[in-house]
Protein backbone atom coordinates (compact mmCIF):
# COMPACT_ATOMS: atom_id res chain seq x y z
CA MET A 1 0.00 0.00 0.00
CA HIS A 2 1.23 3.46 -0.86
CA CYS A 3 1.81 5.48 2.29
CA PRO A 4 -1.09 7.91 2.81
CA THR A 5 -0.80 11.49 3.93
CA ASN A 6 -2.04 11.05 7.49
CA ASN A 7 -3.26 8.58 10.15
CA PHE A 8 -0.78 5.83 9.28
CA PHE A 9 2.18 4.00 10.73
CA ARG A 10 5.03 1.92 9.32
CA TYR A 11 5.79 -1.73 9.86
CA ASN A 12 8.52 -3.98 8.53
CA THR A 13 10.51 -0.76 7.94
CA THR A 14 9.14 -0.02 4.45
CA LEU A 15 5.43 -0.93 4.58
CA CYS A 16 2.58 1.38 5.66
CA ALA A 17 -0.74 0.68 7.34
CA CYS A 18 -3.60 2.81 8.67
CA ASN A 19 -4.18 3.33 12.36
CA PRO A 20 -6.70 1.09 14.19
CA GLY A 21 -10.22 1.89 12.99
CA TYR A 22 -8.99 3.54 9.74
CA PHE A 23 -8.95 2.13 6.20
CA TYR A 24 -7.14 3.35 3.12
CA ASN A 25 -9.20 5.57 0.77
CA THR A 26 -7.71 5.18 -2.69
CA THR A 27 -9.59 8.15 -4.19
CA GLU A 28 -8.37 10.65 -1.60
CA ASP A 29 -5.09 8.87 -0.74
CA THR A 30 -5.83 9.14 2.98
CA CYS A 31 -6.73 6.88 5.85
CA SER A 32 -10.44 7.43 6.62
CA PRO A 33 -12.23 6.31 9.79
CA PHE A 34 -15.20 4.00 9.63
CA THR A 35 -17.75 6.09 11.57
CA ALA A 36 -20.91 4.05 11.06
CA SER A 37 -23.12 3.88 14.15
CA THR A 38 -24.59 0.49 14.84
CA ALA A 39 -27.55 1.97 16.74
CA ASP A 40 -28.82 4.16 13.87
CA ASP A 41 -27.77 2.50 10.63
CA PHE A 42 -30.01 -0.58 10.78
CA SER A 43 -33.05 -0.54 8.49
CA VAL A 44 -35.68 -3.22 8.12
CA GLY A 45 -38.32 -3.52 5.42
CA SER A 46 -41.18 -5.99 5.62
CA GLY A 47 -41.98 -5.87 1.92
CA VAL A 48 -45.54 -4.66 2.56
CA ASP A 49 -46.42 -0.99 2.20
CA TYR A 50 -48.70 0.15 5.02
CA SER A 51 -49.33 3.63 3.63
CA ILE A 52 -52.68 4.61 2.11
CA ASN A 53 -52.93 3.21 -1.41
CA ILE A 54 -54.44 6.19 -3.21
CA PRO A 55 -53.50 6.63 -6.91
CA VAL A 56 -51.09 9.49 -7.39
CA ASN A 57 -52.91 10.78 -10.46
CA ILE A 58 -56.11 11.16 -8.45
CA PHE A 59 -54.91 12.50 -5.12
CA ALA A 60 -51.28 13.17 -4.14
CA PHE A 61 -51.61 11.99 -0.57
CA ASP A 62 -47.85 11.75 -0.02
CA THR A 63 -47.45 15.45 -0.78
CA ILE A 64 -50.04 16.39 1.83
CA LYS A 65 -48.76 13.82 4.30
CA ARG A 66 -45.47 15.70 4.61
CA PHE A 67 -47.35 18.69 5.98
CA THR A 68 -49.89 16.73 8.01
CA GLN A 69 -47.83 14.22 9.91
CA SER A 70 -50.17 14.22 12.91
CA GLN A 71 -53.49 15.49 14.14
CA ALA A 72 -51.73 18.43 15.81
CA VAL A 73 -51.72 20.30 12.50
CA PHE A 74 -55.53 20.15 12.25
CA LEU A 75 -55.97 21.13 15.88
CA GLU A 76 -53.59 24.09 15.59
CA ALA A 77 -55.30 25.36 12.43
CA THR A 78 -58.70 25.02 14.12
CA PHE A 79 -57.53 26.93 17.17
CA VAL A 80 -56.17 29.76 15.01
CA LEU A 81 -59.44 30.07 13.04
CA VAL A 82 -61.57 30.08 16.19
CA MET A 83 -59.42 32.78 17.80
CA CYS A 84 -59.46 34.94 14.63
CA TRP A 85 -63.27 34.74 14.47
CA LEU A 86 -63.74 35.60 18.15
CA VAL A 87 -61.28 38.53 17.90
CA PHE A 88 -63.15 39.84 14.85
CA CYS A 89 -66.49 39.64 16.68
CA PHE A 90 -64.93 41.33 19.73
CA PHE A 91 -63.72 44.38 17.78
CA VAL A 92 -66.97 44.61 15.78
CA ARG A 93 -68.86 45.17 19.04
CA PHE A 94 -67.08 48.52 19.41
CA GLY A 95 -68.96 49.80 16.36
CA LYS A 96 -71.92 52.12 17.01
CA LEU A 97 -75.40 50.85 16.21
CA GLY A 98 -76.77 54.32 15.39
CA ASP A 99 -80.19 54.40 13.74
CA GLY A 100 -79.69 51.08 12.00
CA ARG A 101 -78.15 52.45 8.80
CA THR A 102 -74.47 52.23 9.77
CA PRO A 103 -72.31 49.42 8.33
CA TRP A 104 -71.41 48.38 11.88
CA PHE A 105 -75.09 47.70 12.58
CA GLN A 106 -75.38 45.64 9.39
CA ILE A 107 -72.36 43.52 10.34
CA ARG A 108 -73.51 42.99 13.90
CA TRP A 109 -77.07 42.24 12.71
CA TRP A 110 -75.89 39.53 10.34
CA ILE A 111 -73.67 38.04 13.04
CA SER A 112 -76.76 37.77 15.22
CA ARG A 113 -78.61 36.06 12.34
CA LEU A 114 -75.89 33.37 12.35
CA ASP A 115 -77.07 32.22 15.79
CA VAL A 116 -78.16 28.74 14.69
CA ALA A 117 -76.89 26.68 17.61
CA PHE A 118 -78.01 28.68 20.65
CA ALA A 119 -81.18 30.42 19.41
CA THR A 120 -83.36 28.89 22.15
CA ARG A 121 -80.66 28.35 24.78
CA HIS A 122 -80.13 31.87 26.06
CA TRP A 123 -80.56 33.31 29.50
CA LEU A 124 -84.23 33.17 30.57
CA ASP A 125 -85.91 34.19 33.78
CA ASP A 126 -87.73 31.59 35.82
CA GLN A 127 -91.21 30.53 34.71
CA LYS A 128 -90.92 32.30 31.35
CA VAL A 129 -91.97 30.77 28.05
CA VAL A 130 -88.92 29.69 26.05
CA LYS A 131 -88.73 31.82 22.92
CA LYS A 132 -86.34 31.92 20.04
CA ARG A 133 -83.68 34.58 20.45
CA LYS A 134 -80.89 35.39 18.04
CA THR A 135 -78.19 37.57 19.59
CA GLU A 136 -74.82 38.78 18.46
CA LEU A 137 -73.09 36.84 21.22
CA GLY A 138 -74.95 33.67 20.27
CA GLY A 139 -74.04 34.14 16.58
CA ALA A 140 -70.35 34.55 17.41
CA PHE A 141 -70.32 31.43 19.58
CA SER A 142 -72.40 29.44 17.07
CA ILE A 143 -69.90 29.99 14.26
CA ALA A 144 -67.00 29.34 16.66
CA SER A 145 -68.56 26.03 17.68
CA TRP A 146 -69.00 25.04 14.03
CA ILE A 147 -65.39 25.92 13.22
CA LEU A 148 -64.26 23.79 16.15
CA PHE A 149 -66.52 20.93 15.07
CA ILE A 150 -65.25 21.02 11.46
CA GLY A 151 -61.63 21.04 12.68
CA LEU A 152 -62.20 18.11 15.00
CA PHE A 153 -64.09 16.32 12.25
CA ALA A 154 -61.11 16.77 9.89
CA ALA A 155 -58.78 15.37 12.58
CA LEU A 156 -61.15 12.40 13.03
CA LEU A 157 -61.15 11.72 9.29
CA TYR A 158 -57.35 11.84 9.25
CA GLN A 159 -57.26 9.35 12.10
CA VAL A 160 -59.77 7.07 10.38
CA ILE A 161 -57.84 7.19 7.10
CA SER A 162 -54.41 6.70 8.64
CA THR A 163 -55.38 4.01 11.18
CA ARG A 164 -58.56 2.59 9.78
CA THR A 165 -57.26 -0.96 10.23
CA ILE A 166 -54.87 -2.75 12.55
CA GLU A 167 -52.52 -5.57 11.70
CA VAL A 168 -53.03 -8.75 13.71
CA HIS A 169 -50.13 -11.20 14.01
CA SER A 170 -50.84 -14.81 14.85
CA VAL A 171 -48.20 -17.45 15.52
CA LEU A 172 -49.01 -20.85 14.05
CA ALA A 173 -47.15 -24.13 14.38
CA SER A 174 -45.57 -25.00 11.04
CA ASN A 175 -45.35 -28.28 9.17
CA ALA A 176 -43.42 -29.50 6.16
CA PRO A 177 -46.03 -28.56 3.47
CA ASP A 178 -46.32 -25.02 4.84
CA LEU A 179 -42.55 -24.50 4.79
CA ALA A 180 -42.28 -25.94 1.30
CA SER A 181 -44.71 -23.30 0.02
CA PHE A 182 -42.26 -20.50 0.82
CA ASN A 183 -40.59 -20.07 -2.59
CA ASN A 184 -38.49 -16.95 -2.14
CA ASP A 185 -35.58 -15.52 -4.06
CA MET A 186 -32.98 -14.51 -1.46
CA GLU A 187 -29.77 -12.52 -1.71
CA PHE A 188 -27.03 -11.89 0.88
CA ASN A 189 -24.50 -9.09 0.45
CA ILE A 190 -21.70 -8.83 3.02
CA THR A 191 -19.08 -6.09 2.56
CA THR A 192 -15.85 -6.21 4.55
CA VAL A 193 -14.90 -2.55 5.03
CA SER A 194 -11.15 -2.50 4.38
CA SER A 195 -8.46 -1.72 1.85
CA MET A 196 -8.44 -5.37 0.70
CA SER A 197 -9.78 -6.77 -2.56
CA CYS A 198 -11.30 -10.05 -3.73
CA SER A 199 -7.73 -11.28 -4.31
CA ASN A 200 -7.42 -11.66 -0.53
CA LEU A 201 -10.45 -14.01 -0.42
CA GLN A 202 -10.03 -17.68 0.44
CA GLY A 203 -12.07 -20.57 1.80
CA LEU A 204 -15.50 -19.61 0.37
CA GLY A 205 -17.24 -22.69 -0.96
CA THR A 206 -18.57 -24.82 1.90
CA LEU A 207 -22.06 -24.82 3.45
CA VAL A 208 -22.52 -26.23 6.93
CA THR A 209 -26.03 -27.19 8.08
CA GLY A 210 -27.33 -28.38 11.43
CA ASN A 211 -25.65 -28.03 14.78
CA PRO A 212 -21.98 -28.92 15.19
CA GLY A 213 -21.63 -32.09 17.24
CA PHE A 214 -25.20 -33.29 16.56
CA ILE A 215 -26.53 -35.94 14.22
CA ASP A 216 -27.96 -33.38 11.75
CA TYR A 217 -24.58 -31.79 11.19
CA ARG A 218 -23.71 -31.70 7.45
CA ARG A 219 -21.03 -30.17 5.19
CA THR A 220 -22.04 -29.63 1.55
CA PRO A 221 -20.62 -27.65 -1.35
CA LEU A 222 -21.97 -24.08 -1.32
CA SER A 223 -22.64 -24.15 -5.05
CA THR A 224 -25.39 -26.73 -4.58
CA PHE A 225 -27.37 -24.28 -2.50
CA VAL A 226 -26.53 -20.74 -3.68
CA ASN A 227 -24.61 -18.88 -6.36
CA PHE A 228 -21.77 -16.90 -4.82
CA SER A 229 -19.42 -14.25 -6.13
CA CYS A 230 -17.08 -11.48 -4.97
CA GLN A 231 -17.01 -7.90 -6.21
CA ASN A 232 -14.57 -5.09 -5.41
CA THR A 233 -16.13 -1.82 -4.20
CA THR A 234 -14.75 1.46 -2.88
CA LYS A 235 -15.27 0.23 0.69
CA GLY A 236 -13.85 -3.22 0.18
CA PRO A 237 -14.73 -6.67 -1.20
CA THR A 238 -18.44 -7.61 -1.25
CA ILE A 239 -19.49 -11.27 -0.96
CA THR A 240 -22.79 -11.94 -2.79
CA LEU A 241 -24.85 -15.08 -2.16
CA LYS A 242 -27.92 -15.53 -4.38
CA CYS A 243 -30.50 -18.27 -4.09
CA ASP A 244 -33.37 -18.52 -6.59
CA ASP A 245 -36.44 -20.36 -5.31
CA CYS A 246 -34.70 -21.24 -2.06
CA HIS A 247 -35.79 -24.31 -0.13
CA LEU A 248 -34.45 -24.01 3.38
CA VAL A 249 -33.84 -27.57 4.52
CA SER A 250 -32.38 -26.87 7.96
CA ASP A 251 -32.77 -24.49 10.83
CA ASN A 252 -29.09 -23.49 11.07
CA LEU A 253 -26.83 -22.53 8.15
CA TYR A 254 -23.14 -21.58 8.38
CA ILE A 255 -21.03 -20.05 5.60
CA SER A 256 -17.43 -19.07 6.35
CA TRP A 257 -14.65 -17.33 4.37
CA GLN A 258 -11.28 -15.73 5.08
CA PHE A 259 -9.23 -12.84 3.80
CA VAL A 260 -5.48 -13.50 3.97
CA ASP A 261 -2.37 -11.34 3.65
CA LEU A 262 -0.97 -10.57 0.22
CA PRO A 263 2.27 -8.76 -0.54
CA ASN A 264 1.83 -5.11 0.41
CA VAL A 265 -1.90 -5.76 1.16
CA PRO A 266 -2.38 -6.96 4.75
CA ALA A 267 -5.57 -8.70 5.84
CA THR A 268 -7.27 -6.09 8.01
CA ALA A 269 -10.87 -4.84 8.37
CA VAL A 270 -12.51 -2.04 10.33
CA GLY A 271 -16.17 -3.11 10.03
CA PHE A 272 -18.86 -4.81 8.01
CA GLU A 273 -21.87 -3.70 5.97
CA PHE A 274 -24.66 -6.07 5.05
CA LYS A 275 -27.97 -6.27 3.19
CA LEU A 276 -30.21 -9.33 3.08
CA THR A 277 -33.28 -9.40 0.81
CA ALA A 278 -36.11 -11.86 0.14
CA ARG A 279 -38.74 -11.70 -2.61
CA ASP A 280 -41.80 -13.86 -3.25
CA ARG A 281 -41.65 -15.34 -6.74
CA ARG A 282 -45.41 -14.91 -7.23
CA HIS A 283 -45.45 -11.28 -6.07
CA LYS A 284 -42.32 -9.59 -7.39
CA LYS A 285 -43.21 -6.15 -6.06
CA HIS A 286 -42.96 -7.25 -2.41
CA LEU A 287 -39.37 -7.22 -1.13
CA SER A 288 -38.39 -7.72 2.51
CA PHE A 289 -34.88 -6.75 3.60
CA VAL A 290 -32.57 -5.87 6.46
CA SER A 291 -29.45 -3.73 6.09
CA GLY A 292 -26.98 -2.04 8.35
CA ALA A 293 -23.35 -1.49 9.32
CA LEU A 294 -21.30 -3.11 12.10
CA LYS A 295 -18.37 -1.53 13.91
CA ASN A 296 -16.50 -2.17 17.12
CA GLY A 297 -18.40 -5.24 18.20
CA SER A 298 -21.93 -3.72 17.78
CA THR A 299 -21.37 -1.53 20.83
CA ASN A 300 -21.74 2.21 21.27
CA SER A 301 -18.08 2.62 22.20
CA ALA A 302 -16.32 5.36 20.25
CA LYS A 303 -13.01 3.48 20.37
CA PHE A 304 -11.73 2.51 16.93
CA VAL A 305 -10.55 -1.07 16.35
CA THR A 306 -9.15 -3.09 13.45
CA TYR A 307 -10.21 -6.74 13.01
CA ARG A 308 -7.40 -9.19 12.35
CA GLY A 309 -6.53 -12.63 13.68
CA LYS A 310 -7.75 -16.22 13.93
CA ASP A 311 -10.94 -15.69 15.95
CA PRO A 312 -13.90 -15.45 13.52
CA ASN A 313 -16.28 -12.50 13.25
CA ILE A 314 -19.80 -13.99 13.37
CA LEU A 315 -22.76 -12.19 11.78
CA GLN A 316 -25.98 -13.86 12.94
CA PHE A 317 -29.34 -13.38 11.17
CA ASN A 318 -32.80 -14.83 11.73
CA LEU A 319 -35.33 -15.70 9.03
CA PHE A 320 -39.05 -15.46 9.86
CA PRO A 321 -41.62 -17.08 7.55
CA ARG A 322 -44.70 -14.87 7.24
CA ILE A 323 -48.06 -15.34 5.55
CA TYR A 324 -49.97 -12.11 4.71
CA ARG A 325 -53.63 -13.05 4.47
CA ASN A 326 -54.53 -9.46 3.66
CA LYS A 327 -52.18 -9.53 0.63
CA HIS A 328 -53.62 -12.49 -1.26
CA ASP A 329 -51.79 -15.02 0.92
CA LEU A 330 -48.39 -13.51 0.28
CA ARG A 331 -45.68 -15.84 1.63
CA LEU A 332 -42.55 -13.89 2.41
CA ILE A 333 -39.46 -14.65 4.50
CA GLN A 334 -38.45 -11.71 6.68
CA PRO A 335 -34.68 -11.46 7.40
CA LEU A 336 -33.69 -9.76 10.66
CA PHE A 337 -30.28 -9.00 12.16
CA HIS A 338 -29.78 -10.84 15.45
CA GLU A 339 -26.22 -10.46 16.75
CA PHE A 340 -22.62 -9.63 15.86
CA ILE A 341 -19.90 -11.52 17.69
CA PRO A 342 -16.56 -9.78 17.06
CA GLY A 343 -13.41 -11.76 16.48
CA SER A 344 -9.76 -10.87 17.01
CA SER A 345 -9.21 -7.08 16.96
CA PHE A 346 -6.67 -4.46 17.94
CA ALA A 347 -7.30 -0.98 19.35
CA GLU A 348 -3.70 0.16 19.93
CA THR A 349 -1.29 1.08 17.17
CA SER A 350 1.57 -0.87 18.72
CA GLN A 351 -0.53 -4.03 19.00
CA LEU A 352 -1.69 -3.78 15.41
CA GLN A 353 1.90 -3.11 14.27
CA ALA A 354 3.09 -6.24 16.02
CA SER A 355 0.26 -8.31 14.51
CA LEU A 356 1.07 -7.16 11.01
CA GLN A 357 4.59 -8.37 11.49
CA ARG A 358 3.40 -11.88 12.50
CA SER A 359 2.38 -14.22 9.71
CA SER A 360 0.18 -16.27 12.01
CA ASP A 361 -2.27 -13.36 12.37
CA GLY A 362 -2.48 -12.72 8.65
CA LEU A 363 -6.16 -13.39 8.08
CA VAL A 364 -9.66 -12.03 8.78
CA ASN A 365 -12.16 -14.81 9.53
CA THR A 366 -15.86 -14.13 8.77
CA THR A 367 -18.82 -16.46 9.40
CA LEU A 368 -22.40 -15.91 8.25
CA TYR A 369 -24.82 -17.67 10.61
CA VAL A 370 -28.43 -17.93 9.43
CA ASN A 371 -31.09 -19.28 11.79
CA PHE A 372 -34.29 -20.28 10.01
CA LEU A 373 -37.09 -20.17 12.59
CA SER A 374 -39.08 -22.96 10.97
CA ALA A 375 -40.97 -24.13 14.06
CA TYR A 376 -43.59 -21.39 13.72
CA ILE A 377 -45.15 -19.30 11.00
CA VAL A 378 -46.36 -15.74 11.60
CA GLU A 379 -49.78 -15.19 10.04
CA ILE A 380 -50.72 -11.54 9.40
CA ASP A 381 -54.21 -10.22 8.74
CA SER A 382 -55.98 -6.86 8.91
CA GLN A 383 -58.98 -5.97 11.04
CA ASN A 384 -61.08 -2.84 10.90
CA THR A 385 -60.72 -0.68 13.99
CA LEU A 386 -63.76 1.50 13.42
CA GLY A 387 -67.18 0.58 12.10
CA PRO A 388 -70.02 2.86 10.99
CA VAL A 389 -71.64 2.85 14.43
CA GLY A 390 -68.39 3.77 16.14
CA PHE A 391 -67.72 6.51 13.61
CA LEU A 392 -71.16 8.06 14.15
CA ALA A 393 -70.66 7.82 17.90
CA ASP A 394 -67.34 9.68 17.63
CA LEU A 395 -68.93 12.24 15.34
CA GLY A 396 -71.79 12.87 17.77
CA GLY A 397 -69.33 13.17 20.64
CA LEU A 398 -67.31 15.81 18.76
CA TYR A 399 -70.49 17.79 18.05
CA CYS A 400 -71.58 17.68 21.69
CA VAL A 401 -68.12 18.79 22.84
CA SER A 402 -68.05 21.68 20.34
CA ILE A 403 -71.52 22.92 21.31
CA GLY A 404 -71.01 22.32 25.03
CA ILE A 405 -67.82 24.37 25.30
CA PHE A 406 -69.29 27.53 23.80
CA PHE A 407 -72.66 27.00 25.46
CA TYR A 408 -70.83 27.17 28.78
CA PHE A 409 -69.18 30.45 27.74
CA LEU A 410 -72.56 31.81 26.59
CA VAL A 411 -74.24 31.02 29.90
CA GLN A 412 -71.39 32.58 31.85
CA PHE A 413 -71.50 35.78 29.82
CA GLU A 414 -75.26 36.17 30.09
CA TYR A 415 -75.20 35.29 33.79
CA ARG A 416 -72.52 37.86 34.66
CA PHE A 417 -73.53 40.66 32.26
CA LYS A 418 -77.26 41.39 32.20
CA ARG A 419 -77.11 43.55 29.09
CA PHE A 420 -76.36 40.43 27.04
CA ARG A 421 -79.77 39.04 28.02
CA HIS A 422 -81.66 41.78 26.16
CA GLU A 423 -79.33 42.74 23.31
CA ASP A 424 -81.58 40.98 20.80
CA ASN A 425 -84.46 43.29 21.80
CA VAL A 426 -82.27 46.37 21.33
CA MET A 427 -81.14 45.40 17.86
CA ARG A 428 -84.63 44.31 16.76
CA SER A 429 -86.19 47.54 18.02
CA ILE A 430 -83.61 49.61 16.10
CA ARG A 431 -84.23 47.62 12.97
CA ASN A 432 -88.04 47.76 13.33
CA ARG A 433 -87.87 51.52 13.89
CA ARG A 434 -85.83 51.95 10.74
CA LYS A 435 -88.22 49.76 8.75
CA ALA A 436 -91.23 51.68 10.11
CA GLN A 437 -89.59 54.99 9.17
CA GLU A 438 -88.96 53.76 5.65
CA LEU A 439 -92.59 52.65 5.29
CA TRP A 440 -93.78 55.96 6.72
CA ASP A 441 -91.67 57.88 4.20
CA LYS A 442 -93.22 55.86 1.39
CA LEU A 443 -96.69 56.63 2.76
CA ARG A 444 -95.94 60.39 2.94
CA LYS A 445 -94.80 60.40 -0.66
CA TYR A 446 -97.94 58.58 -1.74
CA VAL A 447 -100.27 60.94 0.13
CA ASN A 448 -98.42 64.05 -1.13
CA PHE A 449 -98.62 62.83 -4.70
CA THR A 450 -102.29 61.82 -4.49
CA TRP A 451 -103.99 64.52 -2.36
CA GLY A 452 -101.36 67.22 -2.11
CA ARG A 453 -99.44 68.64 0.80
CA GLY A 454 -100.95 69.65 4.15
CA LEU A 455 -102.55 66.34 5.08
CA ILE A 456 -99.57 64.85 6.95
CA PRO A 457 -96.83 66.41 9.01
CA SER A 458 -93.56 67.39 7.40
CA ASP A 459 -90.15 66.03 8.37
CA ASP A 460 -89.89 68.44 11.30
CA GLY A 461 -93.33 67.45 12.65
CA SER A 462 -95.22 70.66 11.70
CA PHE A 463 -98.22 70.86 9.37
CA VAL A 464 -98.02 72.90 6.15
CA GLU A 465 -101.25 74.77 5.50
CA ASN A 466 -102.48 75.04 1.95
CA ALA A 467 -105.38 77.39 1.22
CA CYS A 468 -105.80 76.20 -2.33
CA CYS A 469 -109.22 74.71 -2.65
CA ASN A 470 -108.23 72.95 -5.82
CA CYS A 471 -105.82 70.80 -3.77
CA TYR A 472 -108.80 69.03 -2.13
CA PRO A 473 -110.97 66.55 -3.95
CA ASN A 474 -114.40 67.87 -5.04
CA LEU A 475 -117.56 66.08 -5.84
CA LYS A 476 -117.15 66.13 -9.58
CA GLY A 477 -113.51 66.20 -10.37
CA GLY A 478 -112.02 63.84 -7.81
CA SER A 479 -108.29 64.67 -7.47
CA SER A 480 -106.23 67.73 -8.30
CA PHE A 481 -104.95 65.87 -11.33
CA ASN A 482 -108.49 65.81 -12.80
CA GLN A 483 -108.90 69.49 -12.00
CA ARG A 484 -105.66 70.37 -13.78
CA LYS A 485 -106.89 68.38 -16.75
CA GLN A 486 -110.16 70.32 -16.72
CA ILE A 487 -108.25 73.63 -16.63
CA ARG A 488 -106.22 72.64 -19.65
CA MET A 489 -109.42 71.77 -21.53
CA ASP A 490 -110.84 75.23 -20.63
CA ASN A 491 -107.72 76.89 -21.94
CA LEU A 492 -108.08 75.02 -25.23
CA SER A 493 -111.71 76.05 -25.56
CA SER A 494 -110.83 79.72 -24.93
CA ASN A 495 -108.54 79.79 -27.95
CA THR A 496 -111.46 79.42 -30.42
CA LYS A 497 -112.30 82.39 -32.64
CA VAL A 498 -115.41 84.48 -31.70
CA SER A 499 -116.91 87.69 -33.07
CA MET A 500 -116.00 90.96 -31.42
CA PRO A 501 -118.86 92.26 -29.16
CA SER A 502 -120.27 95.79 -29.44
CA GLU A 503 -119.52 98.58 -26.95
CA LYS A 504 -123.04 98.35 -25.50
CA GLY A 505 -122.64 94.66 -24.93
CA LEU A 506 -119.27 95.23 -23.23
CA ARG A 507 -120.77 97.86 -20.96
CA ASP A 508 -123.64 95.52 -19.97
CA VAL A 509 -121.24 92.70 -19.22
CA LYS A 510 -119.06 95.01 -17.09
CA GLU A 511 -122.04 96.11 -15.00
CA LYS A 512 -123.11 92.53 -14.60
CA LYS A 513 -119.64 91.53 -13.32
CA GLU A 514 -119.68 94.34 -10.77
CA LYS A 515 -122.98 93.14 -9.35
CA SER A 516 -121.79 89.55 -9.34
CA SER A 517 -118.69 90.53 -7.41
CA MET A 518 -120.85 92.22 -4.78
CA HIS A 519 -122.86 89.05 -4.33
CA SER A 520 -119.71 86.94 -4.25
CA ASN A 521 -118.30 89.10 -1.46
CA ASN A 522 -121.44 88.42 0.48
CA ALA A 523 -120.90 84.69 -0.12
CA ASP A 524 -117.30 84.68 1.19
CA THR A 525 -118.55 84.78 4.71
CA PRO A 526 -120.29 81.35 4.52
CA ARG A 527 -117.27 79.90 2.70
CA GLN A 528 -114.92 81.03 5.41
CA GLN A 529 -117.27 79.62 8.02
CA VAL A 530 -117.27 76.26 6.29
CA LEU A 531 -113.45 76.21 6.09
CA ALA A 532 -113.22 77.29 9.70
CA ASP A 533 -115.26 74.24 10.75
CA ILE A 534 -112.65 71.85 9.24
CA PRO A 535 -110.52 70.41 12.09
CA LEU A 536 -106.79 69.82 11.88
CA PRO A 537 -105.53 66.42 10.67
CA PRO A 538 -105.12 63.75 13.35
CA SER A 539 -101.75 63.68 15.08
CA LEU A 540 -99.52 60.65 14.35
CA GLU A 541 -97.64 59.76 17.51
CA MET A 542 -94.09 58.45 17.01
CA ARG A 543 -92.48 57.80 20.34
CA ALA A 544 -88.71 58.01 20.13
CA GLY A 545 -86.72 55.11 21.54
CA SER A 546 -89.60 52.63 21.45
CA GLU A 547 -90.74 50.00 19.05
CA ILE A 548 -93.67 50.80 16.69
CA SER A 549 -95.83 47.79 16.06
CA ILE A 550 -97.96 46.99 13.04
CA PRO A 551 -101.29 47.59 14.86
CA GLU A 552 -100.22 51.16 15.68
CA ILE A 553 -99.44 51.84 12.00
CA GLN A 554 -102.82 50.41 11.00
CA LYS A 555 -104.52 52.65 13.56
CA ASN A 556 -102.77 55.77 12.15
CA LEU A 557 -103.87 54.82 8.64
CA GLU A 558 -107.47 54.41 9.81
CA ASN A 559 -107.39 57.89 11.40
CA ILE A 560 -106.08 59.38 8.14
CA TYR A 561 -108.82 57.60 6.19
CA GLU A 562 -111.57 58.86 8.54
CA TYR A 563 -110.14 62.38 8.32
CA ASN A 564 -110.21 62.16 4.52
CA MET A 565 -113.85 61.07 4.51
CA MET A 566 -114.76 63.92 6.84
CA LEU A 567 -113.02 66.35 4.48
CA ARG A 568 -115.01 65.03 1.56
CA GLU A 569 -118.27 65.59 3.44
CA LYS A 570 -117.22 69.10 4.47
CA LEU A 571 -116.16 70.01 0.99
CA THR A 572 -119.37 68.61 -0.50
CA ILE A 573 -121.46 70.79 1.87
CA ALA A 574 -119.30 73.85 1.13
CA GLN A 575 -119.50 73.30 -2.59
CA SER A 576 -123.32 73.00 -2.49
CA ARG A 577 -123.61 76.24 -0.49
CA ILE A 578 -121.30 78.10 -2.81
CA HIS A 579 -123.18 76.78 -5.81
CA ALA A 580 -126.54 77.89 -4.27
CA LEU A 581 -125.20 81.39 -3.49
CA THR A 582 -123.73 81.73 -6.97
CA THR A 583 -127.04 80.67 -8.55
CA LYS A 584 -128.95 83.14 -6.40
CA ALA A 585 -126.56 85.95 -7.26
CA SER A 586 -126.82 85.18 -10.98
CA ALA A 587 -130.64 85.16 -10.79
CA SER A 588 -130.79 88.53 -8.97
CA SER A 589 -128.37 90.13 -11.41
CA SER A 590 -130.43 88.88 -14.35
CA SER A 591 -133.65 90.33 -12.87
CA ASP A 592 -131.94 93.70 -12.35
CA LEU A 593 -130.84 93.81 -15.96
CA ILE A 594 -134.37 93.01 -17.07
CA HIS A 595 -135.84 95.83 -14.99
CA GLN A 596 -133.30 98.20 -16.37
C-alpha cells in the first residue's frame, strides 16, 4: 500500500498501514475512519407498504402527508381560526349601532342572524316561556362552535384514514407442506470494510447445516445451495450469495470465508456492511430486507478497532416465515439481524503493528450464521378498527363537545352581564324603527302625490297649510290631477275664434260683473265659516326610543282615512252652499238687468 498522507504508521521498515479503525481511501489517498453507528444504521423492510394506497394521479396523498404528519396540524389550524373569528367579533362590538343604517349595525345584525346553535338556549328568567332569540353573542359562539366541530371532524377523518385498520399477528405451528410453500428468491451481500480486494479471499465454498456435534450436522458444497461471487467496491470486497427459489432444509446454516495477507496488502478490516433481501416469486413487487453497518463489536463505544486474527467474526441473522392473508396469501421470509460476535481485533497502534509483522495473524475470519425459525409461522391479517356505528358515535361526541364548550361560555357571559340578556331586543327595536320609518316615508310620498301637501306632518313634525281649494278633492272632479286636466281643456276652448262684441254689450257685461262681485263678497262669509269648521288632521304619535308595532301603524292609517272622509263631506257641503249662493246671485243680477 502506498503510504497515505495522514493517520498511518510503518511496519517492517518499508510498509505502511492505517491506524486502528482507519482504512485506506484510494480516491483521496488518505486513511479514513469507519464512523458508522450500529444503533442508527439498521433498516428493516417488511416488503408490505402500510401507507394509504391512493393513486397518485387522483390524489397526491404523499405530498399532503409531509405537511400533516399528525393530528396536531388540524388542531392548531382550528384553534387559530376560532381565535381569529372571536377577535373579529370582539372588535366589531365597538362599532356604534346608530339608527340602523351604519355598516357596523349591518355587520352585527348579520352576526346575530348566524345564531343557529343557541337560538333557544339563552338566558331566561324563571317561569318564562322559552322563545327563540338570536343575539350577536350567540351568533359569534355558534360559528365558533361550528369551526371547532369542522376542525375536530377533519382530525377524526385523518385518524380514520391513517389508522382505519390494525394488523393482527398470529403465531401458528408449522409443518413440512407449509414450509415448502415459501418459494423466495434470497440474496445476501456482506461487505468487509477495508483496503483489501477479492484477491485476498479464500475458503468460500462450503455450506454447513445443522448443529456442530449433533446428528444433523452436514457439510455440503456451497454451489449446490446458492450462487456466490465477490465484487470489489470502494469500501472493500463484497461477498454476494444468491438463491433462486430457495428451499431451506435446515434451521441453522453456516457459511465461512477468510481474507489473507498478500504482498503489500495486509488482511485487516474495520467493520462490516450487510444487506439481506427476500422476494416472493409470485409477487415480485414485495421485497423484505434488512441492512446495516457493524463496527467495534456492535457496541456504542467510540473506540476505533481493526479486526485481524484467527478468531472469527460472526454475523448472525434470523429468518421469519410470514403469511400475509390481507395480501392475497403472500408468503414472504423476513430477514432480521440478530447479533454480531466480534473476532480478534486491535485498538492500539503498537498491537496492530506487532500483529502485522506476524504471519500467524495474517487473516480475517468471517462467518455468516443464518437461523431459520421454521418451528412457527407468523400469520398476518388486517382488522377494521372502526365501524359505521363507532364513527357516528365519535362524530356525535365531537359535536356535543363543540356545542357544550361555547354554550358554557354563553351562559357565563349572560349570567354575569345582564345587558347580554336583552341585546336581541335592542337590535330588533332599532331595525323595526328603521323599517317603520322607511314605510312611513313611502306613505308620505304617496299621500303628497295623491292629495297634495298639508294632510300629513312634514319632516320636522309641523303641518303645512295650503289654502288652495283645488288641492282638495271635489264632488265632480275627484283629485287635483283631474282638475288640472279640466283647466287645460278650458284653456283650449278659450282659444277658439269668436266675433268681437259691441260697446253696449261690453258695458252691460261690465255692470253685470260688478254686481256679481258684490254678491260673491257676500258669499265669502259662509265659505270662510265652512273652512273654519274643518278640524286639523289627526296627530300621528311616534315615540322616540320605542318599538312601533304593526297595529299602531294600522290605527294611524285608519285615522287618516276617517279624516279624509270627513273632508269630503265638508267640501261637498261647502260646494253646495257656494253653488246655491252663486245661482242666487246670478238670478238677482239677471232680474236687475231686465228691470233696467
